[in-house]
């Protein structure tokens, strides 16, 4: 299969990269051990990294609850979801229980976070590639402008986007440890 065929196949697939199970396990880790939230969020994690909107909503509310109460307890969090009328939007109590049970030990939060961030970076890379594709098709725009803009976005993703660059280091470290 040549590059054009692979690109067409990728574009037809239509599903952007995600790691839904890792998202659930990360949220479960936070529920079991709220210190995880401090460890990942304040250093380098972004709510935008979540692909599933319900998971993003849960994460943002976890931050809010932790900031407001100084801690994160499942009962209080459930109550907050009900007060904000978001419990059904995230899939109800069963979805919350499923998240907590997805990672019963609460371990390996950084690994799960790195998988979530990896998928997020891939979605951003696809977005950049799409911008290049659209810019290259517009004959009224100088191709060097399109390529310069793409280069800036790629450099931002690799070097300036602290969310991603820190996770590249963690992901590579964890990958090396797993291969030993």
N, C-alpha and C. Protein backbone atom coordinates (compact mmCIF):
# COMPACT_ATOMS: atom_id res chain seq x y z
N UNK A 1 0.85 -1.17 0.00
CA UNK A 1 0.00 0.00 0.00
C UNK A 1 0.90 1.24 0.00
N UNK A 2 0.65 2.15 -0.96
CA UNK A 2 1.47 3.36 -1.02
C UNK A 2 0.95 4.41 -0.04
N UNK A 3 1.69 5.50 0.08
CA UNK A 3 1.34 6.54 1.06
C UNK A 3 -0.04 7.15 0.80
N UNK A 4 -0.37 7.41 -0.45
CA UNK A 4 -1.68 7.99 -0.76
C UNK A 4 -2.82 7.07 -0.33
N UNK A 5 -2.66 5.78 -0.57
CA UNK A 5 -3.69 4.83 -0.15
C UNK A 5 -3.82 4.79 1.36
N UNK A 6 -2.68 4.85 2.07
CA UNK A 6 -2.72 4.83 3.53
C UNK A 6 -3.38 6.09 4.08
N UNK A 7 -3.08 7.22 3.47
CA UNK A 7 -3.69 8.49 3.92
C UNK A 7 -5.20 8.44 3.69
N UNK A 8 -5.62 7.99 2.51
CA UNK A 8 -7.06 7.89 2.23
C UNK A 8 -7.75 6.93 3.19
N UNK A 9 -7.12 5.82 3.48
CA UNK A 9 -7.69 4.85 4.42
C UNK A 9 -7.82 5.47 5.81
N UNK A 10 -6.79 6.20 6.24
CA UNK A 10 -6.82 6.86 7.54
C UNK A 10 -7.94 7.89 7.61
N UNK A 11 -8.08 8.68 6.56
CA UNK A 11 -9.12 9.70 6.54
C UNK A 11 -10.52 9.09 6.53
N UNK A 12 -10.69 7.93 5.91
CA UNK A 12 -11.98 7.28 5.86
C UNK A 12 -12.34 6.63 7.19
N UNK A 13 -11.33 6.22 7.94
CA UNK A 13 -11.57 5.59 9.24
C UNK A 13 -12.38 6.52 10.13
N UNK A 14 -11.99 7.78 10.18
CA UNK A 14 -12.76 8.79 10.89
C UNK A 14 -12.67 8.79 12.40
N UNK A 15 -12.08 7.78 13.01
CA UNK A 15 -11.97 7.74 14.46
C UNK A 15 -10.61 8.27 14.91
N UNK A 16 -10.60 9.39 15.59
CA UNK A 16 -9.32 9.91 16.06
C UNK A 16 -8.73 9.01 17.16
N UNK A 17 -7.43 9.06 17.31
CA UNK A 17 -6.80 8.24 18.36
C UNK A 17 -7.34 8.61 19.75
N UNK A 18 -7.58 7.58 20.53
CA UNK A 18 -8.02 7.79 21.90
C UNK A 18 -7.59 6.59 22.73
N UNK A 19 -7.70 6.76 24.03
CA UNK A 19 -7.37 5.68 24.95
C UNK A 19 -8.41 5.71 26.07
N UNK A 20 -9.63 5.33 25.71
CA UNK A 20 -10.77 5.42 26.62
C UNK A 20 -10.53 4.61 27.90
N UNK A 21 -10.01 3.40 27.76
CA UNK A 21 -9.74 2.57 28.95
C UNK A 21 -8.71 3.23 29.85
N UNK A 22 -7.69 3.83 29.26
CA UNK A 22 -6.69 4.54 30.07
C UNK A 22 -7.29 5.76 30.75
N UNK A 23 -8.20 6.44 30.05
CA UNK A 23 -8.91 7.57 30.66
C UNK A 23 -9.67 7.10 31.90
N UNK A 24 -10.40 5.99 31.75
CA UNK A 24 -11.16 5.45 32.88
C UNK A 24 -10.24 5.05 34.03
N UNK A 25 -9.15 4.37 33.70
CA UNK A 25 -8.23 3.93 34.75
C UNK A 25 -7.58 5.12 35.45
N UNK A 26 -7.26 6.16 34.70
CA UNK A 26 -6.68 7.36 35.31
C UNK A 26 -7.69 8.00 36.26
N UNK A 27 -8.92 8.16 35.81
CA UNK A 27 -9.96 8.75 36.67
C UNK A 27 -10.20 7.86 37.89
N UNK A 28 -10.18 6.54 37.69
CA UNK A 28 -10.32 5.62 38.82
C UNK A 28 -9.17 5.77 39.81
N UNK A 29 -7.97 5.95 39.30
CA UNK A 29 -6.80 6.16 40.17
C UNK A 29 -6.98 7.41 41.02
N UNK A 30 -7.51 8.46 40.39
CA UNK A 30 -7.73 9.72 41.11
C UNK A 30 -8.78 9.54 42.19
N UNK A 31 -9.85 8.82 41.87
CA UNK A 31 -10.90 8.59 42.86
C UNK A 31 -10.37 7.81 44.06
N UNK A 32 -9.54 6.82 43.81
CA UNK A 32 -9.00 5.99 44.88
C UNK A 32 -7.93 6.74 45.67
N UNK A 33 -7.11 7.50 44.96
CA UNK A 33 -6.02 8.22 45.60
C UNK A 33 -5.99 9.65 45.06
N UNK A 34 -6.71 10.58 45.68
CA UNK A 34 -6.80 11.95 45.17
C UNK A 34 -5.45 12.67 45.04
N UNK A 35 -4.43 12.18 45.72
CA UNK A 35 -3.10 12.79 45.58
C UNK A 35 -2.60 12.70 44.14
N UNK A 36 -3.08 11.69 43.43
CA UNK A 36 -2.73 11.53 42.02
C UNK A 36 -3.08 12.78 41.23
N UNK A 37 -4.20 13.39 41.59
CA UNK A 37 -4.63 14.61 40.91
C UNK A 37 -3.57 15.69 41.02
N UNK A 38 -3.03 15.87 42.20
CA UNK A 38 -1.96 16.85 42.39
C UNK A 38 -0.72 16.47 41.59
N UNK A 39 -0.39 15.19 41.63
CA UNK A 39 0.82 14.73 40.95
C UNK A 39 0.79 14.96 39.46
N UNK A 40 -0.36 14.71 38.83
CA UNK A 40 -0.38 14.85 37.37
C UNK A 40 -0.85 16.21 36.91
N UNK A 41 -1.91 16.73 37.52
CA UNK A 41 -2.50 17.94 36.96
C UNK A 41 -1.62 19.17 37.16
N UNK A 42 -1.20 19.40 38.34
CA UNK A 42 -0.48 20.64 38.60
C UNK A 42 0.86 20.67 37.89
N UNK A 43 1.33 19.52 37.46
CA UNK A 43 2.61 19.48 36.77
C UNK A 43 2.47 19.57 35.26
N UNK A 44 1.54 18.81 34.69
CA UNK A 44 1.59 18.76 33.22
C UNK A 44 0.34 18.24 32.52
N UNK A 45 -0.70 17.96 33.19
CA UNK A 45 -1.85 17.34 32.53
C UNK A 45 -2.91 18.38 32.21
N UNK A 46 -3.63 18.16 31.13
CA UNK A 46 -4.68 19.08 30.70
C UNK A 46 -6.00 18.31 30.55
N UNK A 47 -7.08 18.93 30.94
CA UNK A 47 -8.40 18.31 30.76
C UNK A 47 -8.68 18.07 29.28
N UNK A 48 -8.09 18.87 28.41
CA UNK A 48 -8.29 18.71 26.97
C UNK A 48 -7.75 17.38 26.46
N UNK A 49 -6.92 16.72 27.23
CA UNK A 49 -6.36 15.44 26.80
C UNK A 49 -7.41 14.33 26.75
N UNK A 50 -8.49 14.50 27.49
CA UNK A 50 -9.54 13.48 27.49
C UNK A 50 -10.32 13.54 26.18
N UNK A 51 -10.49 12.40 25.57
CA UNK A 51 -11.24 12.30 24.32
C UNK A 51 -12.74 12.23 24.60
N UNK A 52 -13.11 11.42 25.55
CA UNK A 52 -14.53 11.24 25.88
C UNK A 52 -15.00 12.42 26.73
N UNK A 53 -16.03 13.09 26.26
CA UNK A 53 -16.52 14.30 26.93
C UNK A 53 -16.91 14.03 28.38
N UNK A 54 -17.52 12.89 28.65
CA UNK A 54 -17.91 12.56 30.03
C UNK A 54 -16.68 12.50 30.92
N UNK A 55 -15.58 11.97 30.41
CA UNK A 55 -14.34 11.88 31.19
C UNK A 55 -13.75 13.27 31.44
N UNK A 56 -13.81 14.12 30.42
CA UNK A 56 -13.33 15.49 30.58
C UNK A 56 -14.15 16.21 31.65
N UNK A 57 -15.47 16.03 31.60
CA UNK A 57 -16.37 16.64 32.58
C UNK A 57 -16.03 16.16 33.98
N UNK A 58 -15.84 14.87 34.13
CA UNK A 58 -15.50 14.31 35.44
C UNK A 58 -14.19 14.89 35.94
N UNK A 59 -13.20 14.97 35.08
CA UNK A 59 -11.89 15.48 35.49
C UNK A 59 -11.99 16.94 35.94
N UNK A 60 -12.68 17.76 35.17
CA UNK A 60 -12.84 19.17 35.52
C UNK A 60 -13.56 19.30 36.86
N UNK A 61 -14.59 18.51 37.08
CA UNK A 61 -15.32 18.56 38.35
C UNK A 61 -14.47 18.02 39.50
N UNK A 62 -13.60 17.05 39.22
CA UNK A 62 -12.68 16.57 40.25
C UNK A 62 -11.77 17.71 40.70
N UNK A 63 -11.27 18.46 39.74
CA UNK A 63 -10.42 19.61 40.07
C UNK A 63 -11.19 20.61 40.92
N UNK A 64 -12.42 20.88 40.50
CA UNK A 64 -13.26 21.83 41.23
C UNK A 64 -13.52 21.35 42.66
N UNK A 65 -13.87 20.08 42.80
CA UNK A 65 -14.16 19.52 44.13
C UNK A 65 -12.91 19.53 45.01
N UNK A 66 -11.79 19.18 44.43
CA UNK A 66 -10.53 19.15 45.20
C UNK A 66 -10.15 20.55 45.65
N UNK A 67 -10.32 21.51 44.75
CA UNK A 67 -9.98 22.89 45.09
C UNK A 67 -10.93 23.44 46.17
N UNK A 68 -12.20 23.12 46.04
CA UNK A 68 -13.21 23.63 46.97
C UNK A 68 -13.10 22.98 48.35
N UNK A 69 -12.92 21.66 48.38
CA UNK A 69 -12.95 20.92 49.64
C UNK A 69 -11.58 20.50 50.16
N UNK A 70 -10.56 20.64 49.33
CA UNK A 70 -9.23 20.21 49.75
C UNK A 70 -9.04 18.70 49.65
N UNK A 71 -10.09 17.99 49.33
CA UNK A 71 -10.03 16.55 49.19
C UNK A 71 -11.04 16.11 48.14
N UNK A 72 -11.05 14.84 47.86
CA UNK A 72 -11.96 14.31 46.88
C UNK A 72 -12.51 12.99 47.40
N UNK A 73 -13.77 13.03 47.82
CA UNK A 73 -14.44 11.82 48.32
C UNK A 73 -15.54 11.45 47.36
N UNK A 74 -15.67 10.16 47.11
CA UNK A 74 -16.63 9.68 46.13
C UNK A 74 -18.06 10.14 46.44
N UNK A 75 -18.45 10.06 47.68
CA UNK A 75 -19.81 10.46 48.06
C UNK A 75 -20.03 11.95 47.78
N UNK A 76 -19.05 12.78 48.16
CA UNK A 76 -19.16 14.22 47.90
C UNK A 76 -19.15 14.52 46.40
N UNK A 77 -18.34 13.77 45.68
CA UNK A 77 -18.24 13.98 44.24
C UNK A 77 -19.56 13.61 43.56
N UNK A 78 -20.16 12.52 43.99
CA UNK A 78 -21.45 12.08 43.47
C UNK A 78 -22.50 13.17 43.71
N UNK A 79 -22.47 13.72 44.92
CA UNK A 79 -23.41 14.79 45.28
C UNK A 79 -23.19 16.02 44.40
N UNK A 80 -21.92 16.37 44.13
CA UNK A 80 -21.60 17.51 43.27
C UNK A 80 -22.15 17.29 41.86
N UNK A 81 -21.99 16.09 41.34
CA UNK A 81 -22.54 15.77 40.01
C UNK A 81 -24.06 15.93 39.99
N UNK A 82 -24.71 15.50 41.06
CA UNK A 82 -26.17 15.65 41.13
C UNK A 82 -26.56 17.12 41.21
N UNK A 83 -25.85 17.89 42.07
CA UNK A 83 -26.16 19.32 42.22
C UNK A 83 -26.02 20.07 40.90
N UNK A 84 -25.00 19.71 40.12
CA UNK A 84 -24.76 20.39 38.85
C UNK A 84 -25.56 19.77 37.70
N UNK A 85 -26.40 18.78 38.07
CA UNK A 85 -27.24 18.08 37.10
C UNK A 85 -26.40 17.49 35.96
N UNK A 86 -25.27 16.91 36.33
CA UNK A 86 -24.37 16.30 35.35
C UNK A 86 -24.23 14.79 35.52
N UNK A 87 -24.87 14.24 36.52
CA UNK A 87 -24.72 12.81 36.78
C UNK A 87 -25.17 11.98 35.57
N UNK A 88 -26.32 12.30 35.01
CA UNK A 88 -26.80 11.55 33.84
C UNK A 88 -25.94 11.83 32.61
N UNK A 89 -25.41 13.04 32.50
CA UNK A 89 -24.57 13.40 31.35
C UNK A 89 -23.29 12.57 31.29
N UNK A 90 -22.81 12.13 32.44
CA UNK A 90 -21.58 11.33 32.46
C UNK A 90 -21.89 9.83 32.42
N UNK A 91 -23.17 9.49 32.37
CA UNK A 91 -23.55 8.08 32.28
C UNK A 91 -24.18 7.53 33.54
N UNK A 92 -24.44 8.39 34.51
CA UNK A 92 -25.10 7.97 35.73
C UNK A 92 -24.17 7.35 36.77
N UNK A 93 -24.77 6.90 37.85
CA UNK A 93 -24.01 6.29 38.95
C UNK A 93 -23.24 5.06 38.50
N UNK A 94 -23.83 4.29 37.59
CA UNK A 94 -23.16 3.08 37.09
C UNK A 94 -21.83 3.43 36.41
N UNK A 95 -21.82 4.51 35.64
CA UNK A 95 -20.59 4.93 34.96
C UNK A 95 -19.53 5.33 35.98
N UNK A 96 -19.96 6.00 37.02
CA UNK A 96 -19.02 6.41 38.07
C UNK A 96 -18.45 5.19 38.78
N UNK A 97 -19.29 4.22 39.08
CA UNK A 97 -18.83 2.98 39.72
C UNK A 97 -17.88 2.24 38.79
N UNK A 98 -18.21 2.20 37.51
CA UNK A 98 -17.35 1.55 36.51
C UNK A 98 -15.96 2.19 36.48
N UNK A 99 -15.92 3.50 36.59
CA UNK A 99 -14.63 4.21 36.60
C UNK A 99 -13.83 3.83 37.84
N UNK A 100 -14.46 3.84 38.97
CA UNK A 100 -13.76 3.49 40.22
C UNK A 100 -13.25 2.06 40.15
N UNK A 101 -14.05 1.16 39.61
CA UNK A 101 -13.66 -0.25 39.54
C UNK A 101 -12.67 -0.54 38.42
N UNK A 102 -12.45 0.41 37.53
CA UNK A 102 -11.54 0.18 36.40
C UNK A 102 -10.09 0.04 36.84
N UNK A 103 -9.76 0.59 37.98
CA UNK A 103 -8.40 0.52 38.49
C UNK A 103 -8.48 0.36 40.00
N UNK A 104 -8.79 -0.84 40.48
CA UNK A 104 -9.04 -1.03 41.92
C UNK A 104 -7.84 -0.73 42.82
N UNK A 105 -6.65 -0.77 42.28
CA UNK A 105 -5.48 -0.49 43.13
C UNK A 105 -5.12 0.98 43.14
N UNK A 106 -5.53 1.71 42.11
CA UNK A 106 -5.16 3.12 42.02
C UNK A 106 -3.73 3.31 41.57
N UNK A 107 -3.06 2.23 41.21
CA UNK A 107 -1.65 2.29 40.83
C UNK A 107 -1.48 2.68 39.36
N UNK A 108 -0.27 3.05 39.03
CA UNK A 108 0.14 3.32 37.64
C UNK A 108 -0.59 4.50 37.00
N UNK A 109 -0.98 5.47 37.79
CA UNK A 109 -1.69 6.63 37.25
C UNK A 109 -0.85 7.36 36.20
N UNK A 110 0.45 7.48 36.43
CA UNK A 110 1.29 8.18 35.45
C UNK A 110 1.32 7.43 34.13
N UNK A 111 1.30 6.12 34.17
CA UNK A 111 1.29 5.34 32.93
C UNK A 111 -0.01 5.58 32.18
N UNK A 112 -1.13 5.53 32.89
CA UNK A 112 -2.41 5.79 32.23
C UNK A 112 -2.45 7.21 31.69
N UNK A 113 -1.97 8.15 32.46
CA UNK A 113 -1.94 9.54 32.01
C UNK A 113 -1.07 9.68 30.76
N UNK A 114 0.03 8.94 30.70
CA UNK A 114 0.90 9.04 29.52
C UNK A 114 0.20 8.47 28.28
N UNK A 115 -0.61 7.42 28.43
CA UNK A 115 -1.36 6.88 27.30
C UNK A 115 -2.40 7.88 26.82
N UNK A 116 -3.07 8.53 27.77
CA UNK A 116 -4.07 9.54 27.43
C UNK A 116 -3.41 10.70 26.70
N UNK A 117 -2.25 11.14 27.21
CA UNK A 117 -1.54 12.25 26.58
C UNK A 117 -0.99 11.86 25.21
N UNK A 118 -0.58 10.62 25.06
CA UNK A 118 -0.09 10.16 23.76
C UNK A 118 -1.21 10.24 22.71
N UNK A 119 -2.39 9.78 23.06
CA UNK A 119 -3.52 9.85 22.14
C UNK A 119 -3.88 11.31 21.84
N UNK A 120 -3.81 12.15 22.85
CA UNK A 120 -4.08 13.59 22.68
C UNK A 120 -3.08 14.21 21.71
N UNK A 121 -1.81 13.88 21.86
CA UNK A 121 -0.78 14.42 20.97
C UNK A 121 -1.01 13.93 19.54
N UNK A 122 -1.43 12.69 19.40
CA UNK A 122 -1.73 12.16 18.07
C UNK A 122 -2.91 12.90 17.43
N UNK A 123 -3.92 13.22 18.23
CA UNK A 123 -5.05 14.00 17.69
C UNK A 123 -4.59 15.38 17.26
N UNK A 124 -3.71 15.98 18.06
CA UNK A 124 -3.18 17.30 17.69
C UNK A 124 -2.35 17.21 16.41
N UNK A 125 -1.58 16.13 16.27
CA UNK A 125 -0.77 15.95 15.06
C UNK A 125 -1.67 15.77 13.84
N UNK A 126 -2.76 15.04 14.00
CA UNK A 126 -3.72 14.86 12.89
C UNK A 126 -4.33 16.20 12.51
N UNK A 127 -4.63 17.01 13.52
CA UNK A 127 -5.18 18.34 13.25
C UNK A 127 -4.18 19.18 12.45
N UNK A 128 -2.92 19.12 12.82
CA UNK A 128 -1.88 19.85 12.10
C UNK A 128 -1.80 19.33 10.66
N UNK A 129 -1.82 18.01 10.51
CA UNK A 129 -1.76 17.41 9.18
C UNK A 129 -2.97 17.85 8.33
N UNK A 130 -4.12 17.92 8.95
CA UNK A 130 -5.31 18.40 8.24
C UNK A 130 -5.16 19.84 7.79
N UNK A 131 -4.59 20.66 8.67
CA UNK A 131 -4.34 22.06 8.30
C UNK A 131 -3.38 22.15 7.12
N UNK A 132 -2.37 21.29 7.12
CA UNK A 132 -1.42 21.27 6.00
C UNK A 132 -2.14 20.85 4.73
N UNK A 133 -2.96 19.81 4.83
CA UNK A 133 -3.71 19.32 3.67
C UNK A 133 -4.61 20.41 3.10
N UNK A 134 -5.36 21.07 3.96
CA UNK A 134 -6.25 22.13 3.49
C UNK A 134 -5.47 23.31 2.90
N UNK A 135 -4.39 23.69 3.57
CA UNK A 135 -3.57 24.80 3.07
C UNK A 135 -2.92 24.48 1.74
N UNK A 136 -2.48 23.24 1.57
CA UNK A 136 -1.83 22.83 0.32
C UNK A 136 -2.80 22.82 -0.85
N UNK A 137 -4.07 22.64 -0.57
CA UNK A 137 -5.07 22.60 -1.64
C UNK A 137 -5.53 23.99 -2.07
N UNK A 138 -5.24 25.00 -1.28
CA UNK A 138 -5.68 26.36 -1.61
C UNK A 138 -4.60 27.04 -2.44
N UNK A 139 -4.90 27.21 -3.70
CA UNK A 139 -3.91 27.77 -4.64
C UNK A 139 -3.68 29.26 -4.43
N UNK A 140 -4.59 29.93 -3.74
CA UNK A 140 -4.42 31.36 -3.51
C UNK A 140 -3.52 31.66 -2.31
N UNK A 141 -3.08 30.61 -1.61
CA UNK A 141 -2.17 30.77 -0.47
C UNK A 141 -0.81 30.20 -0.87
N UNK A 142 0.23 30.96 -0.63
CA UNK A 142 1.59 30.51 -0.93
C UNK A 142 1.91 29.28 -0.09
N UNK A 143 2.41 28.24 -0.73
CA UNK A 143 2.70 26.98 -0.03
C UNK A 143 3.72 27.18 1.09
N UNK A 144 4.64 28.12 0.92
CA UNK A 144 5.63 28.35 1.98
C UNK A 144 4.96 28.86 3.25
N UNK A 145 3.88 29.62 3.11
CA UNK A 145 3.13 30.09 4.28
C UNK A 145 2.50 28.90 5.00
N UNK A 146 1.90 28.02 4.24
CA UNK A 146 1.29 26.81 4.82
C UNK A 146 2.33 25.98 5.56
N UNK A 147 3.48 25.78 4.93
CA UNK A 147 4.54 24.97 5.53
C UNK A 147 5.15 25.64 6.76
N UNK A 148 5.31 26.96 6.70
CA UNK A 148 5.82 27.70 7.87
C UNK A 148 4.87 27.58 9.06
N UNK A 149 3.57 27.73 8.78
CA UNK A 149 2.58 27.60 9.86
C UNK A 149 2.58 26.19 10.43
N UNK A 150 2.69 25.20 9.56
CA UNK A 150 2.74 23.80 10.02
C UNK A 150 3.97 23.55 10.87
N UNK A 151 5.10 24.08 10.45
CA UNK A 151 6.34 23.92 11.20
C UNK A 151 6.21 24.53 12.60
N UNK A 152 5.61 25.70 12.68
CA UNK A 152 5.41 26.35 13.98
C UNK A 152 4.53 25.50 14.89
N UNK A 153 3.46 24.95 14.33
CA UNK A 153 2.54 24.12 15.13
C UNK A 153 3.22 22.84 15.59
N UNK A 154 4.03 22.25 14.73
CA UNK A 154 4.74 21.03 15.11
C UNK A 154 5.76 21.33 16.20
N UNK A 155 6.50 22.41 16.06
CA UNK A 155 7.46 22.79 17.10
C UNK A 155 6.77 23.10 18.41
N UNK A 156 5.61 23.75 18.35
CA UNK A 156 4.85 24.03 19.57
C UNK A 156 4.43 22.73 20.24
N UNK A 157 3.97 21.78 19.45
CA UNK A 157 3.56 20.49 19.99
C UNK A 157 4.73 19.77 20.64
N UNK A 158 5.87 19.79 19.98
CA UNK A 158 7.03 19.05 20.49
C UNK A 158 7.77 19.75 21.62
N UNK A 159 7.87 21.06 21.54
CA UNK A 159 8.77 21.76 22.47
C UNK A 159 8.09 22.74 23.42
N UNK A 160 7.04 23.40 22.96
CA UNK A 160 6.43 24.44 23.79
C UNK A 160 5.24 23.96 24.57
N UNK A 161 4.61 22.90 24.12
CA UNK A 161 3.41 22.38 24.79
C UNK A 161 3.84 21.54 25.98
N UNK A 162 3.87 22.17 27.15
CA UNK A 162 4.37 21.47 28.34
C UNK A 162 3.54 20.24 28.65
N UNK A 163 2.25 20.27 28.31
CA UNK A 163 1.41 19.10 28.55
C UNK A 163 2.02 17.87 27.87
N UNK A 164 2.44 18.06 26.63
CA UNK A 164 2.92 16.92 25.87
C UNK A 164 4.40 16.63 26.13
N UNK A 165 5.24 17.64 26.15
CA UNK A 165 6.68 17.39 26.24
C UNK A 165 7.07 16.67 27.53
N UNK A 166 6.43 17.00 28.63
CA UNK A 166 6.73 16.32 29.88
C UNK A 166 6.30 14.86 29.79
N UNK A 167 5.16 14.62 29.16
CA UNK A 167 4.69 13.25 29.06
C UNK A 167 5.53 12.41 28.11
N UNK A 168 6.14 13.03 27.12
CA UNK A 168 7.04 12.27 26.25
C UNK A 168 8.14 11.67 27.11
N UNK A 169 8.71 12.47 28.01
CA UNK A 169 9.77 11.97 28.88
C UNK A 169 9.28 10.84 29.78
N UNK A 170 8.12 11.02 30.40
CA UNK A 170 7.57 10.00 31.29
C UNK A 170 7.23 8.73 30.51
N UNK A 171 6.60 8.90 29.35
CA UNK A 171 6.20 7.75 28.55
C UNK A 171 7.43 6.94 28.13
N UNK A 172 8.47 7.63 27.68
CA UNK A 172 9.69 6.92 27.26
C UNK A 172 10.34 6.21 28.44
N UNK A 173 10.34 6.84 29.61
CA UNK A 173 10.92 6.22 30.80
C UNK A 173 10.14 4.96 31.18
N UNK A 174 8.82 5.05 31.21
CA UNK A 174 7.98 3.90 31.56
C UNK A 174 8.13 2.78 30.54
N UNK A 175 8.25 3.15 29.27
CA UNK A 175 8.41 2.16 28.22
C UNK A 175 9.74 1.39 28.39
N UNK A 176 10.80 2.12 28.72
CA UNK A 176 12.10 1.47 28.96
C UNK A 176 12.03 0.54 30.15
N UNK A 177 11.36 0.99 31.23
CA UNK A 177 11.22 0.15 32.43
C UNK A 177 10.45 -1.13 32.12
N UNK A 178 9.43 -1.01 31.30
CA UNK A 178 8.60 -2.17 30.96
C UNK A 178 9.37 -3.18 30.09
N UNK A 179 10.30 -2.67 29.30
CA UNK A 179 11.07 -3.54 28.40
C UNK A 179 12.25 -4.21 29.08
N UNK A 180 12.54 -3.85 30.32
CA UNK A 180 13.68 -4.44 31.02
C UNK A 180 13.39 -5.84 31.48
